[in-house]
């Protein structure tokens, strides 16, 4: 076995890869760690599902592995240092989902602005008409200036929304704000001025519970929230309080970590919190983009010289905007 697919690719990309390499498709192994370890010994390339971690132990069972790829973003479950030591290239199709995530955030905002639509979509033909709001003239706060925010800003501006933004890792004088047509403000002002907040912060452990009581104290009453960032960014008790007392009227969060709103937690019974199962990246188009990016990187890696022949220099070459390639150093 040369390449092991634990997650299926779109058929045309998978066929392209199978025409050039020995490929086995075994998604069931992603749920059976013991069985997976038994077949890793001769795998040179692997495509992993989102939740399967890459650890030192995993790599010890894969002595000839050269490239590990995912169709999704996020490296918190990947031991990058161990991958460098084992000379394993880590590939993620990050930019493949930028537009689909931006469209998801826009759709979520519009549904919250016009929530009467949701009742009808759920099959209630006798739903009571509810008063909505228009996006035109509304102030939308972009919390985080990740690539998805770039695309979302371009969608919101023609609708007549006023865009303000804050990113903990980007200075308010950085030229990116002006280029995107976003007014850079403080975090306090973003919360105080926004009719709705879209959260797309690039998560790192230093941002755990970044959105807490102190931050949410500045919310404009009746605010709407949408987000695609990891839920670890949010302190659950503080968010539950804001949803309960009217500071946040309603929220849509795309995918949450285990325990965030599970039974027995303050957020479990919050009727104005809507959690979707990571739908932002789930479009046919983004799947096609991600599949082709991954198969090309797999083929490129496995047909190039091994790391001890200068391969590390090839891997450190810059990739396209938003693509994620973690090379051995």
Protein backbone atom coordinates (compact mmCIF):
# COMPACT_ATOMS: atom_id res chain seq x y z
CA UNK A 1 0.00 0.00 0.00
CA UNK A 2 1.47 3.33 -1.07
CA UNK A 3 -1.38 5.70 -0.18
CA UNK A 4 -4.10 5.10 2.40
CA UNK A 5 -7.31 7.13 2.25
CA UNK A 6 -9.17 7.29 5.57
CA UNK A 7 -11.42 9.96 4.05
CA UNK A 8 -12.90 9.74 0.59
CA UNK A 9 -11.97 12.22 -2.14
CA UNK A 10 -14.23 13.31 -4.96
CA UNK A 11 -14.31 10.49 -7.55
CA UNK A 12 -12.42 12.31 -10.32
CA UNK A 13 -9.53 13.30 -8.02
CA UNK A 14 -9.39 9.84 -6.48
CA UNK A 15 -9.30 8.23 -9.96
CA UNK A 16 -6.45 10.57 -10.97
CA UNK A 17 -4.48 9.49 -7.91
CA UNK A 18 -5.24 5.78 -8.42
CA UNK A 19 -3.94 5.98 -11.99
CA UNK A 20 -0.52 7.01 -10.62
CA UNK A 21 -0.21 5.26 -7.26
CA UNK A 22 -1.30 2.18 -5.34
CA UNK A 23 -4.22 3.53 -3.31
CA UNK A 24 -6.46 1.83 -0.75
CA UNK A 25 -9.65 3.44 0.56
CA UNK A 26 -10.30 2.30 4.15
CA UNK A 27 -12.39 4.93 5.99
CA UNK A 28 -13.42 2.36 8.61
CA UNK A 29 -9.84 2.30 9.93
CA UNK A 30 -10.32 5.86 11.17
CA UNK A 31 -12.62 4.42 13.85
CA UNK A 32 -10.33 1.48 14.75
CA UNK A 33 -6.89 2.65 16.01
CA UNK A 34 -5.59 -0.87 16.62
CA UNK A 35 -6.41 -2.01 13.08
CA UNK A 36 -4.97 1.19 11.66
CA UNK A 37 -1.62 0.69 13.41
CA UNK A 38 -1.32 -2.74 11.81
CA UNK A 39 -1.39 -1.34 8.26
CA UNK A 40 0.63 1.84 8.74
CA UNK A 41 4.02 0.13 8.41
CA UNK A 42 4.08 0.35 4.58
CA UNK A 43 2.03 3.54 4.04
CA UNK A 44 3.92 6.43 2.41
CA UNK A 45 1.00 8.85 2.10
CA UNK A 46 -2.21 9.13 4.10
CA UNK A 47 -5.37 11.27 4.04
CA UNK A 48 -6.86 11.59 7.52
CA UNK A 49 -10.28 12.71 8.76
CA UNK A 50 -10.56 15.88 10.82
CA UNK A 51 -10.65 14.29 14.28
CA UNK A 52 -7.95 11.63 13.94
CA UNK A 53 -4.80 12.92 15.68
CA UNK A 54 -1.23 12.57 14.46
CA UNK A 55 0.93 11.80 17.49
CA UNK A 56 4.45 10.51 18.04
CA UNK A 57 3.00 7.08 18.70
CA UNK A 58 1.07 7.23 15.41
CA UNK A 59 4.28 8.12 13.54
CA UNK A 60 6.25 5.35 15.26
CA UNK A 61 3.91 2.86 13.58
CA UNK A 62 4.47 4.53 10.18
CA UNK A 63 8.22 4.28 9.52
CA UNK A 64 8.02 5.05 5.77
CA UNK A 65 5.34 7.74 5.94
CA UNK A 66 6.31 10.82 3.92
CA UNK A 67 3.13 12.89 3.74
CA UNK A 68 -0.01 13.22 5.87
CA UNK A 69 -2.87 15.21 4.39
CA UNK A 70 -6.26 16.50 5.48
CA UNK A 71 -9.13 18.01 3.53
CA UNK A 72 -9.75 20.40 6.43
CA UNK A 73 -7.97 23.13 8.36
CA UNK A 74 -6.65 23.10 11.92
CA UNK A 75 -3.44 21.65 13.35
CA UNK A 76 -4.33 21.41 17.04
CA UNK A 77 -4.56 17.61 16.76
CA UNK A 78 -1.29 17.29 14.80
CA UNK A 79 2.07 17.05 16.54
CA UNK A 80 3.99 19.22 14.08
CA UNK A 81 7.28 18.85 15.92
CA UNK A 82 7.05 15.06 15.73
CA UNK A 83 6.23 15.31 12.03
CA UNK A 84 9.34 17.42 11.45
CA UNK A 85 11.49 14.93 13.33
CA UNK A 86 10.06 12.06 11.27
CA UNK A 87 10.41 14.14 8.08
CA UNK A 88 6.69 13.88 7.36
CA UNK A 89 5.10 16.61 5.28
CA UNK A 90 1.77 17.85 6.67
CA UNK A 91 -0.66 19.17 4.06
CA UNK A 92 -4.02 20.85 4.61
CA UNK A 93 -6.37 22.27 2.00
CA UNK A 94 -7.03 25.46 3.95
CA UNK A 95 -7.93 27.85 1.15
CA UNK A 96 -10.35 25.34 -0.39
CA UNK A 97 -13.00 26.27 2.20
CA UNK A 98 -12.60 30.04 2.36
CA UNK A 99 -15.52 30.88 0.08
CA UNK A 100 -17.82 28.18 1.41
CA UNK A 101 -17.21 29.36 4.99
CA UNK A 102 -17.82 32.98 3.99
CA UNK A 103 -21.10 32.06 2.30
CA UNK A 104 -22.12 30.07 5.39
CA UNK A 105 -21.50 33.09 7.63
CA UNK A 106 -23.43 35.36 5.26
CA UNK A 107 -26.35 32.92 5.11
CA UNK A 108 -26.37 32.62 8.91
CA UNK A 109 -26.39 36.39 9.31
CA UNK A 110 -29.27 36.79 6.88
CA UNK A 111 -31.29 34.04 8.56
CA UNK A 112 -30.81 35.66 11.95
CA UNK A 113 -31.80 39.05 10.53
CA UNK A 114 -34.93 37.41 9.04
CA UNK A 115 -35.64 34.52 11.41
CA UNK A 116 -39.18 34.06 10.15
CA UNK A 117 -37.70 32.25 7.17
CA UNK A 118 -36.34 29.45 9.36
CA UNK A 119 -39.76 28.53 10.76
CA UNK A 120 -41.15 28.10 7.25
CA UNK A 121 -38.11 26.10 6.15
CA UNK A 122 -38.74 23.78 9.10
CA UNK A 123 -42.17 22.99 7.66
CA UNK A 124 -44.37 25.29 9.72
CA UNK A 125 -46.81 26.61 7.10
CA UNK A 126 -48.76 28.48 9.77
CA UNK A 127 -45.74 30.26 11.21
CA UNK A 128 -46.41 33.66 12.73
CA UNK A 129 -44.96 36.54 10.73
CA UNK A 130 -42.05 38.08 12.61
CA UNK A 131 -40.45 41.47 12.21
CA UNK A 132 -37.04 41.22 10.59
CA UNK A 133 -34.21 43.62 9.85
CA UNK A 134 -32.34 44.63 6.72
CA UNK A 135 -28.63 44.15 6.23
CA UNK A 136 -28.40 47.53 4.51
CA UNK A 137 -27.28 50.11 7.04
CA UNK A 138 -26.46 47.54 9.72
CA UNK A 139 -23.06 47.54 11.42
CA UNK A 140 -21.35 44.17 11.15
CA UNK A 141 -18.35 43.50 13.37
CA UNK A 142 -15.73 41.13 11.97
CA UNK A 143 -13.90 39.54 14.89
CA UNK A 144 -10.82 38.05 13.25
CA UNK A 145 -9.33 38.87 9.88
CA UNK A 146 -8.69 35.30 8.70
CA UNK A 147 -8.97 34.71 4.91
CA UNK A 148 -12.67 33.91 5.30
CA UNK A 149 -13.19 37.47 6.58
CA UNK A 150 -11.62 38.85 3.38
CA UNK A 151 -14.23 37.09 1.27
CA UNK A 152 -17.09 37.84 3.67
CA UNK A 153 -16.24 41.56 3.63
CA UNK A 154 -16.52 41.55 -0.15
CA UNK A 155 -20.00 40.01 0.13
CA UNK A 156 -21.27 42.35 2.86
CA UNK A 157 -20.09 45.65 1.39
CA UNK A 158 -22.40 45.56 -1.69
CA UNK A 159 -25.34 44.89 0.65
CA UNK A 160 -24.79 48.27 2.26
CA UNK A 161 -23.51 47.01 5.61
CA UNK A 162 -21.00 49.08 7.56
CA UNK A 163 -17.96 46.94 8.39
CA UNK A 164 -15.84 47.30 11.51
CA UNK A 165 -13.21 44.84 12.67
CA UNK A 166 -10.76 43.69 15.30
CA UNK A 167 -8.12 40.98 15.31
CA UNK A 168 -5.92 40.29 18.34
CA UNK A 169 -2.99 39.47 16.04
CA UNK A 170 -3.31 42.39 13.57
CA UNK A 171 -2.47 46.01 14.45
CA UNK A 172 -5.20 48.56 13.79
CA UNK A 173 -2.86 50.49 11.46
CA UNK A 174 -2.13 47.49 9.22
CA UNK A 175 -2.96 48.26 5.55
CA UNK A 176 -5.16 45.16 5.28
CA UNK A 177 -8.04 46.95 7.02
CA UNK A 178 -8.22 49.77 4.50
CA UNK A 179 -7.74 47.39 1.59
CA UNK A 180 -10.77 45.37 2.69
CA UNK A 181 -12.91 48.41 3.46
CA UNK A 182 -13.10 47.58 7.17
CA UNK A 183 -12.79 50.20 9.90
CA UNK A 184 -10.35 48.88 12.50
CA UNK A 185 -11.62 49.44 16.04
CA UNK A 186 -10.87 48.24 19.54
CA UNK A 187 -12.48 45.02 20.76
CA UNK A 188 -14.61 47.01 23.19
CA UNK A 189 -15.90 49.29 20.43
CA UNK A 190 -16.58 46.36 18.11
CA UNK A 191 -18.87 44.80 20.73
CA UNK A 192 -20.50 48.12 21.61
CA UNK A 193 -21.22 49.26 18.04
CA UNK A 194 -22.10 46.08 16.14
CA UNK A 195 -25.62 44.96 15.30
CA UNK A 196 -24.11 41.57 14.50
CA UNK A 197 -20.71 39.94 15.08
CA UNK A 198 -19.04 37.38 12.82
CA UNK A 199 -16.26 35.37 14.48
CA UNK A 200 -13.48 33.86 12.34
CA UNK A 201 -10.42 34.17 14.56
CA UNK A 202 -7.51 31.88 13.67
CA UNK A 203 -7.47 29.88 16.91
CA UNK A 204 -4.39 29.26 19.02
CA UNK A 205 -4.20 27.98 22.59
CA UNK A 206 -3.37 31.50 23.82
CA UNK A 207 -6.88 32.53 22.75
CA UNK A 208 -8.71 29.99 24.91
CA UNK A 209 -11.75 31.73 26.47
CA UNK A 210 -10.76 34.98 24.77
CA UNK A 211 -14.48 35.80 24.60
CA UNK A 212 -15.32 35.99 28.30
CA UNK A 213 -17.34 38.00 30.82
CA UNK A 214 -15.10 41.03 30.50
CA UNK A 215 -15.45 41.10 26.71
CA UNK A 216 -19.16 40.30 26.58
CA UNK A 217 -19.94 43.04 29.10
CA UNK A 218 -19.61 45.49 26.19
CA UNK A 219 -22.20 43.78 23.93
CA UNK A 220 -24.77 46.03 22.34
CA UNK A 221 -28.16 44.70 23.56
CA UNK A 222 -29.90 42.43 21.05
CA UNK A 223 -26.72 41.58 19.19
CA UNK A 224 -26.58 38.66 16.73
CA UNK A 225 -23.56 36.33 16.55
CA UNK A 226 -22.31 33.89 13.93
CA UNK A 227 -19.01 32.04 14.00
CA UNK A 228 -16.80 29.36 12.49
CA UNK A 229 -13.89 29.56 14.96
CA UNK A 230 -13.24 26.83 17.50
CA UNK A 231 -15.62 27.07 20.43
CA UNK A 232 -12.65 26.99 22.84
CA UNK A 233 -12.42 30.69 21.98
CA UNK A 234 -15.61 31.23 24.00
CA UNK A 235 -16.03 30.89 27.76
CA UNK A 236 -19.32 28.91 27.97
CA UNK A 237 -20.70 30.38 31.21
CA UNK A 238 -20.15 33.94 30.03
CA UNK A 239 -21.74 33.21 26.64
CA UNK A 240 -24.73 31.52 28.29
CA UNK A 241 -25.27 34.59 30.48
CA UNK A 242 -25.15 36.92 27.46
CA UNK A 243 -27.66 34.74 25.58
CA UNK A 244 -29.92 34.67 28.63
CA UNK A 245 -29.99 38.36 29.54
CA UNK A 246 -30.52 39.71 26.00
CA UNK A 247 -27.07 41.05 25.22
CA UNK A 248 -26.93 38.38 22.51
CA UNK A 249 -30.33 37.84 20.94
CA UNK A 250 -29.33 34.74 18.97
CA UNK A 251 -26.19 32.94 17.78
CA UNK A 252 -25.22 30.41 15.12
CA UNK A 253 -21.93 28.58 15.73
CA UNK A 254 -20.63 26.13 13.16
CA UNK A 255 -19.25 23.13 14.99
CA UNK A 256 -18.33 23.11 18.67
CA UNK A 257 -15.86 21.18 20.77
CA UNK A 258 -16.92 18.27 22.96
CA UNK A 259 -18.65 19.47 26.10
CA UNK A 260 -19.26 23.04 24.95
CA UNK A 261 -23.04 22.76 25.02
CA UNK A 262 -23.50 19.18 26.21
CA UNK A 263 -26.17 18.05 28.66
CA UNK A 264 -25.71 19.60 32.08
CA UNK A 265 -23.89 22.70 30.81
CA UNK A 266 -25.37 26.23 30.88
CA UNK A 267 -25.55 26.34 27.07
CA UNK A 268 -27.40 23.06 26.61
CA UNK A 269 -30.87 24.53 27.02
CA UNK A 270 -30.19 27.89 25.35
CA UNK A 271 -32.94 27.99 22.74
CA UNK A 272 -31.38 30.99 21.00
CA UNK A 273 -28.07 29.16 20.42
CA UNK A 274 -28.00 27.21 17.15
CA UNK A 275 -25.09 24.81 16.58
CA UNK A 276 -24.47 23.38 13.13
CA UNK A 277 -22.22 20.34 12.40
CA UNK A 278 -19.38 22.16 10.60
CA UNK A 279 -21.48 22.95 7.56
CA UNK A 280 -19.29 25.87 6.51
CA UNK A 281 -16.84 23.67 4.64
CA UNK A 282 -19.46 21.25 3.35
CA UNK A 283 -20.09 22.26 -0.23
CA UNK A 284 -19.50 20.24 -3.38
CA UNK A 285 -17.25 22.96 -4.73
CA UNK A 286 -15.01 23.17 -1.67
CA UNK A 287 -14.74 19.38 -1.58
CA UNK A 288 -13.59 19.38 -5.19
CA UNK A 289 -10.99 22.08 -4.49
CA UNK A 290 -9.74 20.30 -1.36
CA UNK A 291 -9.53 16.90 -3.06
CA UNK A 292 -7.53 18.17 -6.03
CA UNK A 293 -5.16 20.15 -3.79
CA UNK A 294 -4.50 17.10 -1.62
CA UNK A 295 -3.95 14.61 -4.47
CA UNK A 296 -1.53 16.96 -6.21
CA UNK A 297 0.50 17.43 -3.02
CA UNK A 298 0.50 13.66 -2.39
CA UNK A 299 1.72 12.96 -5.92
CA UNK A 300 4.29 15.77 -5.75
CA UNK A 301 5.73 14.46 -2.49
CA UNK A 302 5.90 10.79 -3.43
CA UNK A 303 7.51 11.44 -6.83
CA UNK A 304 10.17 13.82 -5.44
CA UNK A 305 13.50 12.96 -3.77
CA UNK A 306 13.32 11.99 -0.08
CA UNK A 307 14.07 14.62 2.61
CA UNK A 308 17.75 13.72 2.97
CA UNK A 309 18.24 14.68 -0.69
CA UNK A 310 17.21 18.30 -0.33
CA UNK A 311 13.46 17.67 -0.23
CA UNK A 312 13.09 19.98 2.78
CA UNK A 313 14.11 22.95 0.64
CA UNK A 314 11.48 22.10 -1.95
CA UNK A 315 8.81 21.89 0.74
CA UNK A 316 9.66 25.25 2.26
CA UNK A 317 8.79 27.07 -0.95
CA UNK A 318 5.73 29.32 -0.46
CA UNK A 319 2.33 27.90 -1.37
CA UNK A 320 -0.78 29.72 -2.57
CA UNK A 321 -2.68 32.11 -0.34
CA UNK A 322 -4.33 30.23 2.48
CA UNK A 323 -2.83 26.85 1.62
CA UNK A 324 -1.24 25.11 4.55
CA UNK A 325 1.93 23.10 4.12
CA UNK A 326 4.05 22.26 7.14
CA UNK A 327 7.46 21.16 5.93
CA UNK A 328 10.32 19.46 7.73
CA UNK A 329 12.83 22.03 8.91
